[in-house]
Amino acid sequence: MKFSHTILGILGAFALMVVLFITSIEAVTYWTPGYYEREYEKYGVLEDVHMEMEDLLDVTDEMMAYLRGRREDLRVPTIVNGQPREFFSEREIAHMEDVRGLFLAAINIRRGCLAVIAMVLGLLFMLKADLKRLLPRTICAGTLLFFAALAVLAGIISTDFSKYFVIFHHIFFNNDLWILDPSVDLLINIVPEPFFMDTAARIGITFAVCVAAVFAVSTAVILRQRARGGNKG
């Protein structure tokens, strides 16, 4: 394999890993039936916000729709402690506007990575690379490199989740709107820090399963090619 072909292949593999990672975040956030209800029950959220589960899940659905760009604002009327009110305060609405920006940016990054994958495949085809032999090997190499880097990062974060949770917010937000008051702001009560820890773990597991599947298929192709080569010999 030519060096340029290998570099292009690994670049495509990295782009694929980013696509799988963002898709894993989306899958856990949007596509996991009953996840929020189980988390709310686990951490006694209903008692903290003084709401019925049905009302809280309705608010959650509206919040998810907002983060996905499917509604334009977070003015969500509901019932809290038996009284009608807007669920989100002005500070929470301002903060969630920043969070929405991150979610929508992630979707655009995924689209960009899909474009990179298409570009890499196009270039390799034009360069007459042996795609059947190149792709499974570079996918395995890129997967191992990406996963190793992510594992190191996850290991560092796991040593003190609270510390790196704060660092994350300082990196991605240029204000202090994310610092909410649990006695005033309901959002911090429905997504406490343990909820983020559970979600991060679930995303990690989902991503690991996806990566393992891609790696297993690529390895199987490599072994089959080697077996055929040996038989021909």
C-alpha atoms as a PDB file:
ATOM      1  CA  MET A   1       0.000   0.000   0.000  1.00  0.00           C
ATOM      2  CA  LYS A   2       1.254   3.475  -0.845  1.00  0.00           C
ATOM      3  CA  PHE A   3       1.863   5.833   2.070  1.00  0.00           C
ATOM      4  CA  SER A   4      -0.502   8.464   0.638  1.00  0.00           C
ATOM      5  CA  HIS A   5      -3.226   5.850   0.294  1.00  0.00           C
ATOM      6  CA  THR A   6      -2.724   4.779   3.911  1.00  0.00           C
ATOM      7  CA  ILE A   7      -2.904   8.368   5.208  1.00  0.00           C
ATOM      8  CA  LEU A   8      -6.104   8.998   3.266  1.00  0.00           C
ATOM      9  CA  GLY A   9      -7.577   5.761   4.563  1.00  0.00           C
ATOM     10  CA  ILE A  10      -6.780   6.601   8.182  1.00  0.00           C
ATOM     11  CA  LEU A  11      -8.225  10.101   7.682  1.00  0.00           C
ATOM     12  CA  GLY A  12     -11.448   8.500   6.464  1.00  0.00           C
ATOM     13  CA  ALA A  13     -11.417   6.118   9.448  1.00  0.00           C
ATOM     14  CA  PHE A  14     -11.066   9.054  11.863  1.00  0.00           C
ATOM     15  CA  ALA A  15     -13.984  10.800  10.166  1.00  0.00           C
ATOM     16  CA  LEU A  16     -16.019   7.596  10.509  1.00  0.00           C
ATOM     17  CA  MET A  17     -15.221   7.450  14.240  1.00  0.00           C
ATOM     18  CA  VAL A  18     -16.441  11.039  14.682  1.00  0.00           C
ATOM     19  CA  VAL A  19     -19.665  10.153  12.836  1.00  0.00           C
ATOM     20  CA  LEU A  20     -20.195   7.134  15.101  1.00  0.00           C
ATOM     21  CA  PHE A  21     -19.418   9.154  18.242  1.00  0.00           C
ATOM     22  CA  ILE A  22     -21.863  11.950  17.421  1.00  0.00           C
ATOM     23  CA  THR A  23     -24.471   9.380  16.396  1.00  0.00           C
ATOM     24  CA  SER A  24     -23.963   7.610  19.749  1.00  0.00           C
ATOM     25  CA  ILE A  25     -24.626  10.890  21.567  1.00  0.00           C
ATOM     26  CA  GLU A  26     -27.745  11.412  19.473  1.00  0.00           C
ATOM     27  CA  ALA A  27     -28.912   7.844  20.039  1.00  0.00           C
ATOM     28  CA  VAL A  28     -28.689   8.111  23.824  1.00  0.00           C
ATOM     29  CA  THR A  29     -30.127  11.626  23.931  1.00  0.00           C
ATOM     30  CA  TYR A  30     -33.018  11.170  21.506  1.00  0.00           C
ATOM     31  CA  TRP A  31     -33.574   7.536  20.629  1.00  0.00           C
ATOM     32  CA  THR A  32     -33.629   5.673  23.964  1.00  0.00           C
ATOM     33  CA  PRO A  33     -37.245   4.999  25.006  1.00  0.00           C
ATOM     34  CA  GLY A  34     -37.856   5.305  28.743  1.00  0.00           C
ATOM     35  CA  TYR A  35     -34.329   6.534  29.541  1.00  0.00           C
ATOM     36  CA  TYR A  36     -35.339   9.871  31.043  1.00  0.00           C
ATOM     37  CA  GLU A  37     -38.211   8.340  32.980  1.00  0.00           C
ATOM     38  CA  ARG A  38     -35.853   5.780  34.536  1.00  0.00           C
ATOM     39  CA  GLU A  39     -33.336   8.474  35.427  1.00  0.00           C
ATOM     40  CA  TYR A  40     -36.009  10.686  36.974  1.00  0.00           C
ATOM     41  CA  GLU A  41     -37.205   7.789  39.120  1.00  0.00           C
ATOM     42  CA  LYS A  42     -33.646   6.802  40.040  1.00  0.00           C
ATOM     43  CA  TYR A  43     -32.747  10.247  41.377  1.00  0.00           C
ATOM     44  CA  GLY A  44     -36.116  11.218  42.867  1.00  0.00           C
ATOM     45  CA  VAL A  45     -36.523  14.121  40.482  1.00  0.00           C
ATOM     46  CA  LEU A  46     -40.307  14.271  40.804  1.00  0.00           C
ATOM     47  CA  GLU A  47     -40.007  15.087  44.504  1.00  0.00           C
ATOM     48  CA  ASP A  48     -37.405  17.772  43.795  1.00  0.00           C
ATOM     49  CA  VAL A  49     -39.454  19.597  41.150  1.00  0.00           C
ATOM     50  CA  HIS A  50     -42.902  18.778  42.589  1.00  0.00           C
ATOM     51  CA  MET A  51     -44.292  17.533  39.283  1.00  0.00           C
ATOM     52  CA  GLU A  52     -46.153  14.557  37.892  1.00  0.00           C
ATOM     53  CA  MET A  53     -44.137  12.221  35.670  1.00  0.00           C
ATOM     54  CA  GLU A  54     -46.390  12.813  32.661  1.00  0.00           C
ATOM     55  CA  ASP A  55     -45.909  16.583  32.882  1.00  0.00           C
ATOM     56  CA  LEU A  56     -42.149  16.262  33.356  1.00  0.00           C
ATOM     57  CA  LEU A  57     -41.821  13.939  30.375  1.00  0.00           C
ATOM     58  CA  ASP A  58     -43.822  16.403  28.265  1.00  0.00           C
ATOM     59  CA  VAL A  59     -41.370  19.148  29.256  1.00  0.00           C
ATOM     60  CA  THR A  60     -38.469  16.831  28.409  1.00  0.00           C
ATOM     61  CA  ASP A  61     -39.934  16.106  24.969  1.00  0.00           C
ATOM     62  CA  GLU A  62     -40.251  19.829  24.281  1.00  0.00           C
ATOM     63  CA  MET A  63     -36.675  20.432  25.450  1.00  0.00           C
ATOM     64  CA  MET A  64     -35.370  17.688  23.152  1.00  0.00           C
ATOM     65  CA  ALA A  65     -37.357  19.114  20.245  1.00  0.00           C
ATOM     66  CA  TYR A  66     -35.771  22.511  20.932  1.00  0.00           C
ATOM     67  CA  LEU A  67     -32.245  21.062  21.019  1.00  0.00           C
ATOM     68  CA  ARG A  68     -32.863  19.354  17.685  1.00  0.00           C
ATOM     69  CA  GLY A  69     -34.056  22.615  16.128  1.00  0.00           C
ATOM     70  CA  ARG A  70     -37.653  21.441  15.841  1.00  0.00           C
ATOM     71  CA  ARG A  71     -39.106  24.285  17.904  1.00  0.00           C
ATOM     72  CA  GLU A  72     -37.923  27.863  18.129  1.00  0.00           C
ATOM     73  CA  ASP A  73     -38.194  28.647  21.842  1.00  0.00           C
ATOM     74  CA  LEU A  74     -38.304  27.088  25.293  1.00  0.00           C
ATOM     75  CA  ARG A  75     -41.476  28.721  26.548  1.00  0.00           C
ATOM     76  CA  VAL A  76     -43.008  25.557  27.976  1.00  0.00           C
ATOM     77  CA  PRO A  77     -46.048  25.960  30.239  1.00  0.00           C
ATOM     78  CA  THR A  78     -46.607  23.157  32.759  1.00  0.00           C
ATOM     79  CA  ILE A  79     -47.833  22.409  36.267  1.00  0.00           C
ATOM     80  CA  VAL A  80     -45.354  22.707  39.150  1.00  0.00           C
ATOM     81  CA  ASN A  81     -46.481  22.062  42.724  1.00  0.00           C
ATOM     82  CA  GLY A  82     -50.082  22.157  41.520  1.00  0.00           C
ATOM     83  CA  GLN A  83     -49.698  25.624  39.976  1.00  0.00           C
ATOM     84  CA  PRO A  84     -49.431  26.576  36.281  1.00  0.00           C
ATOM     85  CA  ARG A  85     -46.115  28.227  35.342  1.00  0.00           C
ATOM     86  CA  GLU A  86     -43.413  28.362  32.704  1.00  0.00           C
ATOM     87  CA  PHE A  87     -40.973  25.550  33.407  1.00  0.00           C
ATOM     88  CA  PHE A  88     -37.808  27.322  32.265  1.00  0.00           C
ATOM     89  CA  SER A  89     -36.572  30.567  33.780  1.00  0.00           C
ATOM     90  CA  GLU A  90     -35.044  33.320  31.641  1.00  0.00           C
ATOM     91  CA  ARG A  91     -31.554  32.249  32.731  1.00  0.00           C
ATOM     92  CA  GLU A  92     -32.241  28.625  31.812  1.00  0.00           C
ATOM     93  CA  ILE A  93     -33.616  29.672  28.426  1.00  0.00           C
ATOM     94  CA  ALA A  94     -30.480  31.718  27.732  1.00  0.00           C
ATOM     95  CA  HIS A  95     -28.242  28.809  28.764  1.00  0.00           C
ATOM     96  CA  MET A  96     -30.172  26.275  26.717  1.00  0.00           C
ATOM     97  CA  GLU A  97     -29.783  28.485  23.666  1.00  0.00           C
ATOM     98  CA  ASP A  98     -26.015  27.926  24.019  1.00  0.00           C
ATOM     99  CA  VAL A  99     -26.541  24.183  24.535  1.00  0.00           C
ATOM    100  CA  ARG A 100     -28.702  24.043  21.420  1.00  0.00           C
ATOM    101  CA  GLY A 101     -25.867  25.653  19.497  1.00  0.00           C
ATOM    102  CA  LEU A 102     -23.555  22.809  20.554  1.00  0.00           C
ATOM    103  CA  PHE A 103     -26.052  20.140  19.527  1.00  0.00           C
ATOM    104  CA  LEU A 104     -26.637  21.728  16.120  1.00  0.00           C
ATOM    105  CA  ALA A 105     -22.883  22.243  15.646  1.00  0.00           C
ATOM    106  CA  ALA A 106     -22.344  18.528  16.307  1.00  0.00           C
ATOM    107  CA  ILE A 107     -24.834  17.681  13.555  1.00  0.00           C
ATOM    108  CA  ASN A 108     -22.950  19.962  11.151  1.00  0.00           C
ATOM    109  CA  ILE A 109     -19.641  18.343  12.155  1.00  0.00           C
ATOM    110  CA  ARG A 110     -21.111  14.936  11.377  1.00  0.00           C
ATOM    111  CA  ARG A 111     -22.202  16.160   7.961  1.00  0.00           C
ATOM    112  CA  GLY A 112     -18.713  17.505   7.383  1.00  0.00           C
ATOM    113  CA  CYS A 113     -17.177  14.160   8.358  1.00  0.00           C
ATOM    114  CA  LEU A 114     -19.507  12.327   5.973  1.00  0.00           C
ATOM    115  CA  ALA A 115     -18.321  14.699   3.248  1.00  0.00           C
ATOM    116  CA  VAL A 116     -14.699  13.907   4.202  1.00  0.00           C
ATOM    117  CA  ILE A 117     -15.406  10.175   3.946  1.00  0.00           C
ATOM    118  CA  ALA A 118     -16.952  10.651   0.502  1.00  0.00           C
ATOM    119  CA  MET A 119     -13.971  12.796  -0.568  1.00  0.00           C
ATOM    120  CA  VAL A 120     -11.462  10.208   0.709  1.00  0.00           C
ATOM    121  CA  LEU A 121     -13.218   7.395  -1.129  1.00  0.00           C
ATOM    122  CA  GLY A 122     -13.337   9.501  -4.288  1.00  0.00           C
ATOM    123  CA  LEU A 123      -9.629  10.325  -4.109  1.00  0.00           C
ATOM    124  CA  LEU A 124      -8.674   6.713  -3.418  1.00  0.00           C
ATOM    125  CA  PHE A 125     -10.758   5.597  -6.379  1.00  0.00           C
ATOM    126  CA  MET A 126      -9.087   8.198  -8.618  1.00  0.00           C
ATOM    127  CA  LEU A 127      -5.659   7.111  -7.360  1.00  0.00           C
ATOM    128  CA  LYS A 128      -6.597   3.524  -8.229  1.00  0.00           C
ATOM    129  CA  ALA A 129      -5.974   2.303  -4.674  1.00  0.00           C
ATOM    130  CA  ASP A 130      -6.758  -1.310  -3.826  1.00  0.00           C
ATOM    131  CA  LEU A 131      -9.851  -0.434  -1.769  1.00  0.00           C
ATOM    132  CA  LYS A 132     -10.692  -4.019  -0.855  1.00  0.00           C
ATOM    133  CA  ARG A 133      -7.303  -4.405   0.820  1.00  0.00           C
ATOM    134  CA  LEU A 134      -6.747  -0.813   1.954  1.00  0.00           C
ATOM    135  CA  LEU A 135     -10.036   0.069   3.635  1.00  0.00           C
ATOM    136  CA  PRO A 136     -10.303  -2.713   6.242  1.00  0.00           C
ATOM    137  CA  ARG A 137      -6.658  -2.206   7.271  1.00  0.00           C
ATOM    138  CA  THR A 138      -6.829   1.576   7.568  1.00  0.00           C
ATOM    139  CA  ILE A 139     -10.196   1.365   9.330  1.00  0.00           C
ATOM    140  CA  CYS A 140      -8.646  -0.961  11.914  1.00  0.00           C
ATOM    141  CA  ALA A 141      -5.619   1.325  12.324  1.00  0.00           C
ATOM    142  CA  GLY A 142      -7.696   4.502  12.538  1.00  0.00           C
ATOM    143  CA  THR A 143     -10.150   2.877  14.943  1.00  0.00           C
ATOM    144  CA  LEU A 144      -7.381   1.775  17.287  1.00  0.00           C
ATOM    145  CA  LEU A 145      -5.732   5.217  17.272  1.00  0.00           C
ATOM    146  CA  PHE A 146      -9.004   7.093  17.805  1.00  0.00           C
ATOM    147  CA  PHE A 147     -10.261   4.729  20.493  1.00  0.00           C
ATOM    148  CA  ALA A 148      -6.917   4.809  22.315  1.00  0.00           C
ATOM    149  CA  ALA A 149      -7.020   8.619  22.432  1.00  0.00           C
ATOM    150  CA  LEU A 150     -10.635   8.573  23.608  1.00  0.00           C
ATOM    151  CA  ALA A 151      -9.885   5.938  26.253  1.00  0.00           C
ATOM    152  CA  VAL A 152      -7.076   8.090  27.644  1.00  0.00           C
ATOM    153  CA  LEU A 153      -9.411  11.101  27.766  1.00  0.00           C
ATOM    154  CA  ALA A 154     -12.159   9.057  29.447  1.00  0.00           C
ATOM    155  CA  GLY A 155      -9.671   7.756  32.000  1.00  0.00           C
ATOM    156  CA  ILE A 156      -8.569  11.273  32.870  1.00  0.00           C
ATOM    157  CA  ILE A 157     -12.154  12.520  33.226  1.00  0.00           C
ATOM    158  CA  SER A 158     -13.154   9.549  35.398  1.00  0.00           C
ATOM    159  CA  THR A 159     -10.581  10.554  38.039  1.00  0.00           C
ATOM    160  CA  ASP A 160     -12.647  13.634  38.933  1.00  0.00           C
ATOM    161  CA  PHE A 161     -15.860  13.997  36.933  1.00  0.00           C
ATOM    162  CA  SER A 162     -16.952  17.176  38.741  1.00  0.00           C
ATOM    163  CA  LYS A 163     -13.673  18.937  37.973  1.00  0.00           C
ATOM    164  CA  TYR A 164     -13.758  18.112  34.275  1.00  0.00           C
ATOM    165  CA  PHE A 165     -17.483  18.812  34.093  1.00  0.00           C
ATOM    166  CA  VAL A 166     -16.671  22.402  35.097  1.00  0.00           C
ATOM    167  CA  ILE A 167     -13.720  22.550  32.688  1.00  0.00           C
ATOM    168  CA  PHE A 168     -15.997  21.374  29.865  1.00  0.00           C
ATOM    169  CA  HIS A 169     -18.378  24.247  30.526  1.00  0.00           C
ATOM    170  CA  HIS A 170     -15.550  26.775  30.670  1.00  0.00           C
ATOM    171  CA  ILE A 171     -14.308  25.538  27.285  1.00  0.00           C
ATOM    172  CA  PHE A 172     -17.634  25.545  25.473  1.00  0.00           C
ATOM    173  CA  PHE A 173     -19.440  28.458  27.145  1.00  0.00           C
ATOM    174  CA  ASN A 174     -18.209  32.036  27.359  1.00  0.00           C
ATOM    175  CA  ASN A 175     -20.577  32.976  30.187  1.00  0.00           C
ATOM    176  CA  ASP A 176     -21.735  31.736  33.595  1.00  0.00           C
ATOM    177  CA  LEU A 177     -25.329  30.993  32.595  1.00  0.00           C
ATOM    178  CA  TRP A 178     -24.690  27.281  33.145  1.00  0.00           C
ATOM    179  CA  ILE A 179     -24.270  27.908  36.894  1.00  0.00           C
ATOM    180  CA  LEU A 180     -27.868  27.424  37.999  1.00  0.00           C
ATOM    181  CA  ASP A 181     -29.515  27.780  41.400  1.00  0.00           C
ATOM    182  CA  PRO A 182     -31.420  24.594  42.377  1.00  0.00           C
ATOM    183  CA  SER A 183     -33.747  26.628  44.605  1.00  0.00           C
ATOM    184  CA  VAL A 184     -34.861  28.714  41.615  1.00  0.00           C
ATOM    185  CA  ASP A 185     -33.979  26.872  38.406  1.00  0.00           C
ATOM    186  CA  LEU A 186     -35.755  23.576  37.791  1.00  0.00           C
ATOM    187  CA  LEU A 187     -33.438  22.446  35.006  1.00  0.00           C
ATOM    188  CA  ILE A 188     -30.582  21.618  37.379  1.00  0.00           C
ATOM    189  CA  ASN A 189     -32.965  19.393  39.338  1.00  0.00           C
ATOM    190  CA  ILE A 190     -34.042  17.314  36.353  1.00  0.00           C
ATOM    191  CA  VAL A 191     -30.471  16.860  35.081  1.00  0.00           C
ATOM    192  CA  PRO A 192     -28.276  16.581  38.204  1.00  0.00           C
ATOM    193  CA  GLU A 193     -24.588  15.690  37.901  1.00  0.00           C
ATOM    194  CA  PRO A 194     -25.181  11.909  38.380  1.00  0.00           C
ATOM    195  CA  PHE A 195     -27.520  12.075  35.377  1.00  0.00           C
ATOM    196  CA  PHE A 196     -24.654  13.417  33.255  1.00  0.00           C
ATOM    197  CA  MET A 197     -22.385  10.661  34.572  1.00  0.00           C
ATOM    198  CA  ASP A 198     -24.953   7.998  33.637  1.00  0.00           C
ATOM    199  CA  THR A 199     -25.445   9.569  30.221  1.00  0.00           C
ATOM    200  CA  ALA A 200     -21.704   9.799  29.550  1.00  0.00           C
ATOM    201  CA  ALA A 201     -21.334   6.125  30.476  1.00  0.00           C
ATOM    202  CA  ARG A 202     -24.228   5.131  28.234  1.00  0.00           C
ATOM    203  CA  ILE A 203     -22.792   7.119  25.316  1.00  0.00           C
ATOM    204  CA  GLY A 204     -19.419   5.477  25.891  1.00  0.00           C
ATOM    205  CA  ILE A 205     -20.937   1.999  25.849  1.00  0.00           C
ATOM    206  CA  THR A 206     -22.986   2.741  22.721  1.00  0.00           C
ATOM    207  CA  PHE A 207     -19.935   4.125  20.937  1.00  0.00           C
ATOM    208  CA  ALA A 208     -17.789   1.174  22.040  1.00  0.00           C
ATOM    209  CA  VAL A 209     -20.339  -1.290  20.645  1.00  0.00           C
ATOM    210  CA  CYS A 210     -20.426   0.569  17.299  1.00  0.00           C
ATOM    211  CA  VAL A 211     -16.633   0.715  17.112  1.00  0.00           C
ATOM    212  CA  ALA A 212     -16.324  -2.956  18.063  1.00  0.00           C
ATOM    213  CA  ALA A 213     -18.751  -3.904  15.287  1.00  0.00           C
ATOM    214  CA  VAL A 214     -16.802  -1.899  12.672  1.00  0.00           C
ATOM    215  CA  PHE A 215     -13.489  -3.308  13.923  1.00  0.00           C
ATOM    216  CA  ALA A 216     -14.807  -6.873  13.947  1.00  0.00           C
ATOM    217  CA  VAL A 217     -16.093  -6.628  10.369  1.00  0.00           C
ATOM    218  CA  SER A 218     -12.828  -5.084   9.154  1.00  0.00           C
ATOM    219  CA  THR A 219     -10.756  -7.725  10.956  1.00  0.00           C
ATOM    220  CA  ALA A 220     -12.912 -10.491   9.513  1.00  0.00           C
ATOM    221  CA  VAL A 221     -12.333  -9.123   6.004  1.00  0.00           C
ATOM    222  CA  ILE A 222      -8.558  -8.954   6.602  1.00  0.00           C
ATOM    223  CA  LEU A 223      -8.441 -12.538   7.905  1.00  0.00           C
ATOM    224  CA  ARG A 224     -10.505 -13.761   4.988  1.00  0.00           C
ATOM    225  CA  GLN A 225      -8.179 -12.033   2.533  1.00  0.00           C
ATOM    226  CA  ARG A 226      -5.145 -13.585   4.237  1.00  0.00           C
ATOM    227  CA  ALA A 227      -6.771 -17.001   4.173  1.00  0.00           C
ATOM    228  CA  ARG A 228      -7.473 -16.669   0.446  1.00  0.00           C
ATOM    229  CA  GLY A 229      -3.904 -15.515  -0.117  1.00  0.00           C
ATOM    230  CA  GLY A 230      -2.589 -18.510   1.781  1.00  0.00           C
ATOM    231  CA  ASN A 231      -4.789 -20.886  -0.181  1.00  0.00           C
ATOM    232  CA  LYS A 232      -3.565 -19.441  -3.463  1.00  0.00           C
ATOM    233  CA  GLY A 233      -0.010 -19.899  -2.267  1.00  0.00           C
END
